[in-house]
């Protein structure tokens, strides 16, 4: 037997050994020499989408710098730098994914690592999720019920590249959504009618975030009844409105406490109401729309006070 003090090195567990005397040379093709290199975890395990600086906590990476390359998922880190036997710095590129594998590769070295090495930790790193939490996120828009207007959603961690994003208002997808920066997207809102407090969901191929309450559509309005009175038998009345949308939904109108015999949406600015017979004056007119899962989950009700009267009794001379 012989004993030998092995120099520092990093590499596979299968290395060749040569033993020489002044007369002979013998070789052992494969032997376990160095403890295998290990990687335990990334610290921190997440960064903002812009990337950052991450330490890869390792063991048995040697006592001097060699050529290392790290990647997060399938993307090479912007910087990989050996720090010590137990630490490598990796600066991930920008991204928007979660539960990504982290892989560390070292190029081959003829002295003690001819085959190179690669070690990995599965699901070791994630980018911070989209952030639409209260106090961070806002949606700024003044959108008529006819839709087609662009609003801006602000938040955090939207990414530093043009990722594929989509936005929904309640259950209705926006017509177009465009990434603009790490803190904002713009979206062309589809037509809709509803309360001013609606939920928004923003999606990428990796994350979904929600904003529970946002002002999206201009509020529905009713101005007056035309005409403002009919004979006691009833008649046909137009309710002059705004922001009631571009197609018919379930409306119900009442004069005072009595449901109209007919309520029919005509346009964004007009609803027909045929009051039942009656004999009252200075009655409130109320218009109600049933809830809609797409953009009006809570329904709506608008009213004009003292907007309608039935014709008075007529005992004038000649009548």
Protein backbone atom coordinates (compact mmCIF):
# COMPACT_ATOMS: atom_id res chain seq x y z
CA UNK A 1 0.00 0.00 0.00
CA UNK A 2 0.88 3.62 -0.43
CA UNK A 3 -0.67 6.73 1.12
CA UNK A 4 -1.02 10.02 -0.66
CA UNK A 5 -2.02 13.52 0.32
CA UNK A 6 -4.49 14.54 -2.40
CA UNK A 7 -4.47 18.12 -3.70
CA UNK A 8 -7.65 20.21 -3.68
CA UNK A 9 -10.11 19.56 -6.44
CA UNK A 10 -13.73 19.26 -7.42
CA UNK A 11 -15.27 16.73 -9.68
CA UNK A 12 -17.06 13.54 -10.30
CA UNK A 13 -16.56 10.60 -7.96
CA UNK A 14 -15.03 8.57 -10.77
CA UNK A 15 -11.44 9.68 -11.47
CA UNK A 16 -8.35 7.95 -12.84
CA UNK A 17 -5.28 7.32 -10.63
CA UNK A 18 -1.73 6.68 -11.78
CA UNK A 19 1.02 5.23 -9.53
CA UNK A 20 4.63 5.54 -10.67
CA UNK A 21 8.02 4.24 -9.58
CA UNK A 22 11.33 4.81 -11.36
CA UNK A 23 10.64 1.69 -13.35
CA UNK A 24 6.92 1.18 -13.61
CA UNK A 25 3.64 3.06 -14.06
CA UNK A 26 0.24 1.56 -13.16
CA UNK A 27 -3.21 3.10 -13.49
CA UNK A 28 -6.57 2.68 -11.81
CA UNK A 29 -9.20 3.74 -14.31
CA UNK A 30 -11.92 4.73 -11.86
CA UNK A 31 -11.80 5.69 -8.20
CA UNK A 32 -13.81 7.77 -5.79
CA UNK A 33 -11.51 10.59 -4.70
CA UNK A 34 -13.39 13.75 -3.74
CA UNK A 35 -16.59 14.04 -1.74
CA UNK A 36 -19.34 14.83 -4.23
CA UNK A 37 -20.29 18.49 -4.70
CA UNK A 38 -23.68 19.33 -3.21
CA UNK A 39 -26.17 22.20 -3.44
CA UNK A 40 -28.77 22.58 -0.69
CA UNK A 41 -30.93 25.62 -1.41
CA UNK A 42 -31.13 29.17 -2.72
CA UNK A 43 -31.07 32.10 -0.31
CA UNK A 44 -33.37 33.97 -0.70
CA UNK A 45 -35.76 31.56 -2.39
CA UNK A 46 -37.56 34.34 -4.25
CA UNK A 47 -36.87 37.78 -5.74
CA UNK A 48 -38.98 40.42 -7.52
CA UNK A 49 -39.54 39.80 -11.24
CA UNK A 50 -36.61 42.10 -11.99
CA UNK A 51 -34.30 39.47 -10.56
CA UNK A 52 -31.77 40.08 -7.80
CA UNK A 53 -28.86 38.49 -6.00
CA UNK A 54 -29.17 34.94 -4.70
CA UNK A 55 -26.69 32.78 -2.79
CA UNK A 56 -26.56 29.10 -3.70
CA UNK A 57 -25.66 27.27 -0.49
CA UNK A 58 -23.28 24.45 -1.43
CA UNK A 59 -20.62 22.08 -0.17
CA UNK A 60 -17.43 20.64 -1.69
CA UNK A 61 -16.98 23.22 -4.45
CA UNK A 62 -13.26 23.61 -3.81
CA UNK A 63 -10.91 26.28 -2.55
CA UNK A 64 -10.54 28.49 -5.61
CA UNK A 65 -12.67 29.90 -8.38
CA UNK A 66 -13.32 27.82 -11.46
CA UNK A 67 -15.78 28.29 -14.30
CA UNK A 68 -19.32 27.92 -12.91
CA UNK A 69 -22.60 28.63 -14.64
CA UNK A 70 -25.94 28.67 -12.88
CA UNK A 71 -29.43 28.72 -14.34
CA UNK A 72 -32.87 29.23 -12.88
CA UNK A 73 -35.36 27.13 -14.74
CA UNK A 74 -34.02 27.20 -18.30
CA UNK A 75 -32.54 30.71 -18.07
CA UNK A 76 -28.85 31.34 -17.41
CA UNK A 77 -28.17 33.69 -14.50
CA UNK A 78 -26.84 37.10 -15.46
CA UNK A 79 -23.90 36.50 -13.12
CA UNK A 80 -22.53 33.32 -11.57
CA UNK A 81 -19.60 33.79 -9.19
CA UNK A 82 -17.85 31.26 -6.95
CA UNK A 83 -17.42 32.66 -3.43
CA UNK A 84 -16.17 29.70 -1.41
CA UNK A 85 -16.39 25.97 -0.99
CA UNK A 86 -19.90 26.50 0.39
CA UNK A 87 -21.27 29.43 -1.60
CA UNK A 88 -21.91 30.56 -5.17
CA UNK A 89 -23.55 33.87 -6.08
CA UNK A 90 -26.23 33.73 -8.79
CA UNK A 91 -28.02 36.81 -10.14
CA UNK A 92 -31.19 35.50 -11.84
CA UNK A 93 -32.48 37.22 -14.94
CA UNK A 94 -35.91 38.84 -14.82
CA UNK A 95 -38.82 36.44 -14.97
CA UNK A 96 -42.29 35.47 -13.81
CA UNK A 97 -42.42 31.83 -12.72
CA UNK A 98 -42.60 29.84 -9.54
CA UNK A 99 -41.15 26.54 -8.26
CA UNK A 100 -38.18 26.64 -10.63
CA UNK A 101 -35.26 24.22 -10.51
CA UNK A 102 -31.84 25.75 -9.85
CA UNK A 103 -28.90 24.08 -11.63
CA UNK A 104 -25.18 24.69 -11.15
CA UNK A 105 -22.75 23.55 -13.84
CA UNK A 106 -18.95 23.48 -13.77
CA UNK A 107 -16.94 23.08 -16.94
CA UNK A 108 -14.60 20.10 -17.27
CA UNK A 109 -11.02 20.30 -16.03
CA UNK A 110 -8.32 17.95 -17.27
CA UNK A 111 -6.66 17.83 -13.87
CA UNK A 112 -9.47 16.56 -11.67
CA UNK A 113 -12.83 17.02 -13.38
CA UNK A 114 -12.59 15.84 -16.98
CA UNK A 115 -16.30 15.27 -17.38
CA UNK A 116 -17.56 18.45 -15.79
CA UNK A 117 -20.34 18.38 -13.21
CA UNK A 118 -23.92 19.46 -12.79
CA UNK A 119 -25.89 19.59 -9.58
CA UNK A 120 -29.45 20.81 -9.08
CA UNK A 121 -32.15 21.48 -6.51
CA UNK A 122 -35.72 21.05 -7.71
CA UNK A 123 -38.34 23.77 -7.20
CA UNK A 124 -35.82 25.87 -5.32
CA UNK A 125 -36.67 29.37 -6.56
CA UNK A 126 -39.68 31.53 -7.41
CA UNK A 127 -40.25 35.07 -8.58
CA UNK A 128 -42.57 37.20 -6.43
CA UNK A 129 -46.21 36.88 -7.42
CA UNK A 130 -48.37 39.58 -8.96
CA UNK A 131 -49.42 41.98 -6.23
CA UNK A 132 -52.90 43.53 -6.35
CA UNK A 133 -53.36 43.82 -2.60
CA UNK A 134 -55.35 46.67 -1.13
CA UNK A 135 -53.23 49.76 -0.73
CA UNK A 136 -50.97 48.70 -3.60
CA UNK A 137 -53.33 48.26 -6.52
CA UNK A 138 -55.65 50.75 -8.20
CA UNK A 139 -57.68 50.80 -11.39
CA UNK A 140 -58.09 54.18 -13.02
CA UNK A 141 -60.75 54.45 -15.70
CA UNK A 142 -63.87 56.36 -16.60
CA UNK A 143 -65.62 53.79 -18.71
CA UNK A 144 -69.07 54.30 -20.19
CA UNK A 145 -71.28 51.23 -20.17
CA UNK A 146 -70.69 51.01 -23.93
CA UNK A 147 -67.11 49.91 -23.17
CA UNK A 148 -64.16 50.29 -25.49
CA UNK A 149 -62.25 52.66 -23.20
CA UNK A 150 -58.81 51.96 -21.79
CA UNK A 151 -58.09 51.85 -18.08
CA UNK A 152 -54.82 51.47 -16.19
CA UNK A 153 -54.32 48.82 -13.51
CA UNK A 154 -51.44 49.51 -11.15
CA UNK A 155 -49.86 47.14 -8.68
CA UNK A 156 -46.51 45.43 -8.22
CA UNK A 157 -44.46 42.56 -9.64
CA UNK A 158 -45.93 42.69 -13.14
CA UNK A 159 -42.52 41.85 -14.60
CA UNK A 160 -39.79 43.59 -16.55
CA UNK A 161 -40.59 42.19 -19.96
CA UNK A 162 -43.67 42.19 -22.14
CA UNK A 163 -45.37 39.10 -20.75
CA UNK A 164 -48.67 37.76 -22.01
CA UNK A 165 -51.25 39.18 -19.63
CA UNK A 166 -55.02 39.11 -19.59
CA UNK A 167 -57.55 40.89 -17.41
CA UNK A 168 -61.13 40.19 -16.42
CA UNK A 169 -63.74 42.43 -14.83
CA UNK A 170 -65.77 40.03 -12.71
CA UNK A 171 -66.40 37.21 -15.21
CA UNK A 172 -65.95 39.23 -18.41
CA UNK A 173 -62.63 39.27 -20.27
CA UNK A 174 -61.34 42.65 -21.37
CA UNK A 175 -61.05 43.18 -25.11
CA UNK A 176 -57.30 43.84 -24.96
CA UNK A 177 -54.69 43.95 -22.20
CA UNK A 178 -51.15 45.28 -22.59
CA UNK A 179 -48.18 45.05 -20.23
CA UNK A 180 -46.58 48.47 -19.81
CA UNK A 181 -44.22 48.14 -16.83
CA UNK A 182 -43.51 46.23 -13.64
CA UNK A 183 -46.24 48.27 -11.94
CA UNK A 184 -48.94 48.77 -14.57
CA UNK A 185 -50.97 47.25 -17.38
CA UNK A 186 -53.53 48.90 -19.61
CA UNK A 187 -56.73 47.22 -20.65
CA UNK A 188 -59.58 47.93 -23.03
CA UNK A 189 -62.68 47.21 -21.00
CA UNK A 190 -65.64 45.44 -22.58
CA UNK A 191 -69.14 46.88 -22.32
CA UNK A 192 -70.97 46.33 -19.06
CA UNK A 193 -73.29 47.83 -16.48
CA UNK A 194 -73.04 47.54 -12.76
CA UNK A 195 -72.03 48.88 -9.44
CA UNK A 196 -68.83 50.86 -9.16
CA UNK A 197 -67.31 48.15 -6.97
CA UNK A 198 -66.26 45.23 -9.16
CA UNK A 199 -63.59 42.56 -8.89
CA UNK A 200 -60.62 42.50 -11.28
CA UNK A 201 -58.41 39.49 -12.04
CA UNK A 202 -55.02 39.80 -13.75
CA UNK A 203 -53.45 36.65 -15.20
CA UNK A 204 -50.13 35.63 -16.68
CA UNK A 205 -49.17 32.12 -17.74
CA UNK A 206 -47.77 31.60 -14.24
CA UNK A 207 -49.74 33.77 -11.80
CA UNK A 208 -53.24 35.06 -11.11
CA UNK A 209 -53.95 38.00 -8.82
CA UNK A 210 -57.22 39.65 -7.91
CA UNK A 211 -58.32 43.11 -6.85
CA UNK A 212 -61.50 42.67 -4.87
CA UNK A 213 -63.04 46.06 -5.47
CA UNK A 214 -62.47 48.65 -8.19
CA UNK A 215 -64.39 51.44 -9.85
CA UNK A 216 -64.71 50.38 -13.48
CA UNK A 217 -67.86 51.65 -15.18
CA UNK A 218 -69.40 55.08 -14.99
CA UNK A 219 -72.45 54.72 -12.75
CA UNK A 220 -75.85 54.19 -14.38
CA UNK A 221 -78.06 57.27 -14.18
CA UNK A 222 -81.72 58.11 -14.68
CA UNK A 223 -82.70 61.74 -15.26
CA UNK A 224 -86.48 61.98 -15.74
CA UNK A 225 -89.63 60.39 -17.17
CA UNK A 226 -91.03 61.58 -20.48
CA UNK A 227 -93.89 62.37 -20.30
CA UNK A 228 -94.05 63.02 -16.60
CA UNK A 229 -97.74 62.18 -16.38
CA UNK A 230 -100.34 59.97 -18.05
CA UNK A 231 -104.10 59.44 -17.63
CA UNK A 232 -105.13 57.16 -14.73
CA UNK A 233 -105.39 54.27 -17.16
CA UNK A 234 -101.62 54.40 -17.60
CA UNK A 235 -99.70 54.80 -20.84
CA UNK A 236 -96.21 54.67 -22.32
CA UNK A 237 -93.34 56.52 -20.66
CA UNK A 238 -89.70 56.83 -21.64
CA UNK A 239 -87.14 56.79 -18.80
CA UNK A 240 -84.25 58.97 -19.93
CA UNK A 241 -81.03 57.32 -18.74
CA UNK A 242 -77.28 57.04 -19.26
CA UNK A 243 -74.82 54.14 -18.95
CA UNK A 244 -77.31 51.28 -19.24
CA UNK A 245 -75.21 49.34 -21.70
CA UNK A 246 -75.31 48.27 -25.32
CA UNK A 247 -77.69 45.32 -25.15
CA UNK A 248 -80.88 44.30 -23.39
CA UNK A 249 -80.67 42.83 -19.92
CA UNK A 250 -83.36 42.18 -17.32
CA UNK A 251 -84.77 45.53 -16.19
CA UNK A 252 -87.78 46.16 -14.02
CA UNK A 253 -89.31 49.60 -13.44
CA UNK A 254 -91.84 50.69 -10.87
CA UNK A 255 -93.85 53.86 -10.35
CA UNK A 256 -94.31 54.42 -6.68
CA UNK A 257 -94.64 50.89 -5.32
CA UNK A 258 -96.30 49.45 -8.43
CA UNK A 259 -94.40 47.47 -11.05
CA UNK A 260 -94.84 48.76 -14.60
CA UNK A 261 -96.84 46.51 -16.89
CA UNK A 262 -93.95 46.59 -19.33
CA UNK A 263 -90.29 47.51 -18.90
CA UNK A 264 -88.15 47.37 -22.04
CA UNK A 265 -84.56 48.46 -22.59
CA UNK A 266 -84.23 50.52 -25.75
CA UNK A 267 -80.65 51.81 -25.64
CA UNK A 268 -77.87 53.00 -23.36
CA UNK A 269 -79.94 56.15 -22.81
CA UNK A 270 -83.55 54.95 -22.86
CA UNK A 271 -85.91 52.46 -21.18
CA UNK A 272 -89.62 52.18 -21.94
CA UNK A 273 -91.96 51.86 -18.98
CA UNK A 274 -95.75 51.36 -19.23
CA UNK A 275 -97.17 52.31 -15.83
CA UNK A 276 -100.14 50.43 -14.47
CA UNK A 277 -103.35 52.37 -13.85
CA UNK A 278 -103.38 54.61 -10.80
CA UNK A 279 -104.37 57.87 -9.18
CA UNK A 280 -101.42 59.45 -7.43
CA UNK A 281 -99.04 62.35 -7.95
CA UNK A 282 -95.34 63.08 -7.28
CA UNK A 283 -94.39 59.40 -7.39
CA UNK A 284 -90.83 58.13 -7.36
CA UNK A 285 -89.72 56.16 -10.43
CA UNK A 286 -87.27 53.30 -9.76
CA UNK A 287 -85.35 51.20 -12.26
CA UNK A 288 -83.85 47.88 -11.16
CA UNK A 289 -81.50 45.57 -13.03
CA UNK A 290 -80.97 41.97 -11.95
CA UNK A 291 -77.47 40.79 -11.04
CA UNK A 292 -75.11 39.48 -13.71
CA UNK A 293 -72.12 37.29 -12.89
CA UNK A 294 -70.11 38.88 -15.69
CA UNK A 295 -70.02 42.50 -14.56
CA UNK A 296 -72.89 43.24 -12.16
CA UNK A 297 -72.99 40.56 -9.47
CA UNK A 298 -74.91 42.68 -7.01
CA UNK A 299 -77.55 44.11 -9.35
CA UNK A 300 -78.35 47.82 -9.38
CA UNK A 301 -81.17 50.18 -8.56
CA UNK A 302 -81.48 53.82 -9.57
CA UNK A 303 -84.36 56.20 -8.90
CA UNK A 304 -85.68 59.70 -9.50
CA UNK A 305 -87.86 61.16 -6.77
CA UNK A 306 -91.29 62.64 -7.51
CA UNK A 307 -90.75 62.03 -11.22
CA UNK A 308 -94.24 60.94 -12.30
CA UNK A 309 -97.91 61.78 -11.68
CA UNK A 310 -101.24 60.55 -12.96
CA UNK A 311 -103.52 63.19 -14.45
CA UNK A 312 -105.70 64.86 -11.86
CA UNK A 313 -109.47 64.57 -11.67
CA UNK A 314 -110.99 66.91 -14.24
CA UNK A 315 -114.31 68.60 -13.48
CA UNK A 316 -113.71 71.74 -15.47
CA UNK A 317 -116.64 73.34 -17.23
CA UNK A 318 -117.42 71.72 -20.53
CA UNK A 319 -115.83 68.43 -19.48
